[in-house]
Structure formats: C-alpha cells, structure tokens
Amino acid sequence: MIALGVGVVALAAGLTLPGFGPATAGTGMAEPAPTTIDPHSVMTDPAQARLDYIENCGGCHGVNGDTVPAHLPELEGRVGWFMCTPQARAYLLRLPNVAHSRIRDNGELADLMNYVVFVLGEGSVPKGTAPFTADEVARERLHALTNTNLTAERLRLANQLITQCHAPASIKLLYPGDARPGIPDQGSSQ
C-alpha cells in the first residue's frame, strides 16, 4: 500500500516516463520510441488515471499490467503496439470492459487508457502516437465489441501489427512465455 502511494505521488509530481516520442514525418509510426514524456502531457490527472486503472482493471490485468498467471493479455511493455493502426487503436476503446466502463466521463476514461498505453505500455508506443481524447472515447465506445470473439480479433490485429508495424511476433501471445500456440489466424474478416 505504501509503494502504491509513493508511485501515485511520483506520477502526480510529473516524473518523466518512457514510451512517447515526437512525431516524425515519414516514420509510419512503426518503431517504438524509448524517449521520455511528462505524464501530464497525455493525461489531465495522472494520479487519478492510475487509481482508475487499479480500481477498474488492475484486478485482472495486474496493478502493473503483468497478468501472469492469468490468461489475459499482458499490458506491460506491449499494449502500445495497438496504437499503430486505426483498427487496433479503436479495438482498445471498443473492448467491452472499456466501452461499458462505469467511468462515464469520457475525458477520465481517455486518461485511464492513456495511462495504460503510455505508462504500462512503456517502450512499445510507436513514435508520434497521439494520446486518446475524450471525443475519440465518446465515438468509439458507441461501437463496443459484443459478439466478437475477442481472442480471435486480438490475434487478427496482432498479425496486422506484425506485418504493418513490425511489432514483435510475441505480440500474438497473451503474455510473454505463453506456451499455448494460440488460435489459427482468422484472416481479416472482422
């Protein structure tokens, strides 16, 4: 509990965090940017975003985004790749637990998702990635995924990220070290 409080205070104090680089013309946003950012530049209230994540997501995805041994996608150092294509970016906001979040304020939910991407996804965010906005959250949560096999859709998008964005092949796994071969590629029919 003390470590959590110290982390929240450090985050709120504006310590720089890796994972966000300046926009670079012609990069196609394909390479992760191991640069530093001020969390205030992508979140209105970084301390609240972290608390929202812990309360709404941390129980399953882990306080630090490291879900093992749970069979859920690990966020830590990986989720930023999903910002590389418009479809994968929208997927993050359309996930049922995000789109139907009890956080009704779209700006607050954008901050939570920016925390997930830029803090937990540290080192995996493509250069030039724009943070989520309240307007984007409002628009995408109207299209929540409901009848989609989330595992198959995630794998389809992961294959797209590998091909288009040069994401590591391990992005297809739910978490690094996952021994399961995954499900067959479902193509691009979704």
Protein backbone atom coordinates (compact mmCIF):
# COMPACT_ATOMS: atom_id res chain seq x y z
CA MET A 1 0.00 0.00 0.00
CA ILE A 2 2.86 2.39 0.80
CA ALA A 3 4.57 1.60 -2.51
CA LEU A 4 1.32 2.30 -4.33
CA GLY A 5 1.02 5.67 -2.58
CA VAL A 6 4.62 6.57 -3.43
CA GLY A 7 4.03 5.60 -7.07
CA VAL A 8 0.91 7.74 -7.29
CA VAL A 9 2.70 10.70 -5.70
CA ALA A 10 5.66 10.30 -8.07
CA LEU A 11 3.35 10.08 -11.07
CA ALA A 12 1.36 13.10 -9.90
CA ALA A 13 4.59 15.02 -9.34
CA GLY A 14 5.29 14.85 -13.05
CA LEU A 15 8.17 12.41 -13.22
CA THR A 16 9.06 11.60 -16.79
CA LEU A 17 8.09 8.22 -18.17
CA PRO A 18 9.38 6.38 -21.24
CA GLY A 19 7.25 5.45 -24.22
CA PHE A 20 6.29 8.57 -26.16
CA GLY A 21 8.32 10.23 -28.90
CA PRO A 22 7.79 13.28 -31.06
CA ALA A 23 6.01 12.96 -34.38
CA THR A 24 8.41 12.21 -37.20
CA ALA A 25 7.30 12.65 -40.79
CA GLY A 26 7.55 9.50 -42.86
CA THR A 27 8.04 7.08 -39.97
CA GLY A 28 4.66 5.44 -40.39
CA MET A 29 4.66 5.21 -36.59
CA ALA A 30 6.27 1.78 -36.88
CA GLU A 31 9.05 1.94 -34.32
CA PRO A 32 8.63 2.17 -30.55
CA ALA A 33 10.11 5.32 -29.05
CA PRO A 34 12.29 4.84 -25.98
CA THR A 35 12.04 8.52 -25.09
CA THR A 36 10.64 10.17 -22.00
CA ILE A 37 7.37 12.01 -21.54
CA ASP A 38 5.75 14.01 -18.85
CA PRO A 39 2.53 12.15 -17.96
CA HIS A 40 0.77 15.50 -17.74
CA SER A 41 1.25 15.84 -21.49
CA VAL A 42 -1.09 12.89 -22.19
CA MET A 43 -3.29 12.87 -19.07
CA THR A 44 -5.24 15.57 -17.30
CA ASP A 45 -4.79 13.87 -13.92
CA PRO A 46 -2.16 11.10 -13.95
CA ALA A 47 -2.73 10.17 -10.30
CA GLN A 48 -6.48 9.72 -10.89
CA ALA A 49 -5.80 7.77 -14.09
CA ARG A 50 -3.59 5.33 -12.15
CA LEU A 51 -6.19 4.95 -9.41
CA ASP A 52 -8.92 4.40 -12.02
CA TYR A 53 -6.77 1.72 -13.67
CA ILE A 54 -6.11 -0.05 -10.37
CA GLU A 55 -9.79 0.06 -9.38
CA ASN A 56 -11.27 -0.90 -12.76
CA CYS A 57 -8.58 -3.00 -14.47
CA GLY A 58 -5.86 -3.99 -12.01
CA GLY A 59 -7.80 -6.89 -10.51
CA CYS A 60 -7.50 -8.85 -13.75
CA HIS A 61 -4.63 -7.22 -15.64
CA GLY A 62 -2.46 -6.73 -12.55
CA VAL A 63 -1.52 -3.47 -10.88
CA ASN A 64 1.48 -3.12 -13.20
CA GLY A 65 -0.13 -4.71 -16.26
CA ASP A 66 1.65 -8.03 -15.73
CA THR A 67 -1.17 -10.56 -15.74
CA VAL A 68 0.69 -13.84 -15.44
CA PRO A 69 -0.52 -16.38 -14.39
CA ALA A 70 -3.94 -15.10 -15.54
CA HIS A 71 -4.80 -15.95 -19.13
CA LEU A 72 -5.38 -12.34 -20.14
CA PRO A 73 -3.32 -10.12 -22.42
CA GLU A 74 -0.34 -8.69 -20.58
CA LEU A 75 -0.21 -4.91 -20.98
CA GLU A 76 3.20 -4.14 -19.53
CA GLY A 77 5.64 -3.05 -22.25
CA ARG A 78 3.34 -4.37 -25.02
CA VAL A 79 -0.02 -2.62 -25.27
CA GLY A 80 1.46 0.43 -27.02
CA TRP A 81 1.80 -1.56 -30.24
CA PHE A 82 -2.00 -1.48 -30.51
CA MET A 83 -1.77 2.26 -31.20
CA CYS A 84 -0.01 1.58 -34.53
CA THR A 85 -3.11 1.12 -36.71
CA PRO A 86 -6.51 2.82 -36.55
CA GLN A 87 -8.25 -0.57 -36.22
CA ALA A 88 -6.10 -1.75 -33.32
CA ARG A 89 -6.36 1.64 -31.62
CA ALA A 90 -10.17 1.53 -31.88
CA TYR A 91 -10.14 -2.07 -30.57
CA LEU A 92 -8.66 -0.88 -27.27
CA LEU A 93 -11.56 1.54 -26.75
CA ARG A 94 -14.21 -0.89 -28.01
CA LEU A 95 -13.30 -3.70 -25.61
CA PRO A 96 -16.45 -4.37 -23.56
CA ASN A 97 -14.91 -3.55 -20.18
CA VAL A 98 -13.60 -0.26 -21.58
CA ALA A 99 -16.59 0.81 -23.66
CA HIS A 100 -19.04 -0.15 -20.90
CA SER A 101 -16.83 1.14 -18.10
CA ARG A 102 -18.61 2.63 -15.14
CA ILE A 103 -16.39 5.66 -15.72
CA ARG A 104 -18.92 7.72 -17.62
CA ASP A 105 -16.75 10.81 -18.12
CA ASN A 106 -15.05 10.33 -21.49
CA GLY A 107 -12.09 12.53 -20.52
CA GLU A 108 -11.45 10.49 -17.39
CA LEU A 109 -11.68 7.26 -19.40
CA ALA A 110 -9.29 8.72 -22.00
CA ASP A 111 -6.84 9.44 -19.18
CA LEU A 112 -7.15 5.87 -17.90
CA MET A 113 -6.47 4.48 -21.37
CA ASN A 114 -3.56 6.88 -21.88
CA TYR A 115 -2.16 5.60 -18.58
CA VAL A 116 -2.50 2.03 -19.89
CA VAL A 117 -0.82 2.84 -23.21
CA PHE A 118 1.86 5.36 -22.29
CA VAL A 119 2.78 4.20 -18.76
CA LEU A 120 2.10 0.45 -18.70
CA GLY A 121 2.92 0.11 -22.41
CA GLU A 122 6.22 1.91 -21.87
CA GLY A 123 8.65 1.24 -24.71
CA SER A 124 6.04 -0.19 -27.09
CA VAL A 125 4.30 3.01 -28.19
CA PRO A 126 5.06 3.96 -31.81
CA LYS A 127 6.72 7.32 -32.43
CA GLY A 128 4.30 10.17 -32.96
CA THR A 129 1.35 8.41 -31.34
CA ALA A 130 -1.36 10.83 -30.32
CA PRO A 131 -2.99 10.22 -26.95
CA PHE A 132 -6.64 9.22 -26.71
CA THR A 133 -9.06 12.15 -26.42
CA ALA A 134 -12.46 12.44 -24.77
CA ASP A 135 -14.07 12.84 -28.21
CA GLU A 136 -12.40 9.67 -29.51
CA VAL A 137 -13.51 7.71 -26.45
CA ALA A 138 -17.09 9.01 -26.84
CA ARG A 139 -17.13 7.99 -30.51
CA GLU A 140 -15.57 4.53 -30.11
CA ARG A 141 -17.42 3.39 -27.00
CA LEU A 142 -20.64 3.61 -29.04
CA HIS A 143 -19.26 0.67 -31.07
CA ALA A 144 -18.45 -1.68 -28.20
CA LEU A 145 -17.46 -5.19 -29.22
CA THR A 146 -20.19 -7.59 -28.19
CA ASN A 147 -20.49 -10.68 -30.37
CA THR A 148 -16.85 -10.76 -31.36
CA ASN A 149 -14.50 -13.50 -30.23
CA LEU A 150 -12.06 -11.14 -28.51
CA THR A 151 -9.21 -13.65 -28.65
CA ALA A 152 -9.62 -14.13 -32.40
CA GLU A 153 -9.95 -10.38 -33.00
CA ARG A 154 -6.88 -9.67 -30.90
CA LEU A 155 -4.89 -12.28 -32.85
CA ARG A 156 -6.09 -10.82 -36.18
CA LEU A 157 -4.97 -7.36 -35.09
CA ALA A 158 -1.67 -8.72 -33.69
CA ASN A 159 -0.91 -10.28 -37.08
CA GLN A 160 -1.69 -6.93 -38.69
CA LEU A 161 0.66 -5.16 -36.24
CA ILE A 162 3.46 -7.61 -37.02
CA THR A 163 3.04 -7.10 -40.77
CA GLN A 164 2.35 -3.36 -40.93
CA CYS A 165 4.17 -2.04 -37.87
CA HIS A 166 6.99 -4.54 -37.34
CA ALA A 167 5.70 -5.45 -33.88
CA PRO A 168 7.47 -8.44 -32.35
CA ALA A 169 5.91 -11.83 -33.10
CA SER A 170 5.41 -12.33 -29.35
CA ILE A 171 2.56 -9.80 -29.54
CA LYS A 172 0.41 -12.74 -30.73
CA LEU A 173 0.81 -14.38 -27.33
CA LEU A 174 -1.39 -13.29 -24.44
CA TYR A 175 1.76 -12.81 -22.42
CA PRO A 176 5.48 -13.46 -22.97
CA GLY A 177 6.25 -17.10 -22.29
CA ASP A 178 2.72 -18.26 -23.11
CA ALA A 179 3.28 -21.84 -24.25
CA ARG A 180 -0.07 -22.11 -25.98
CA PRO A 181 0.24 -21.88 -29.76
CA GLY A 182 -2.80 -19.59 -29.96
CA ILE A 183 -5.71 -19.99 -32.30
CA PRO A 184 -5.40 -20.07 -36.06
CA ASP A 185 -5.33 -16.74 -37.83
CA GLN A 186 -8.92 -15.77 -38.57
CA GLY A 187 -7.98 -13.64 -41.56
CA SER A 188 -9.20 -10.08 -41.91
CA SER A 189 -12.95 -10.68 -41.99
CA GLN A 190 -13.79 -8.63 -38.88
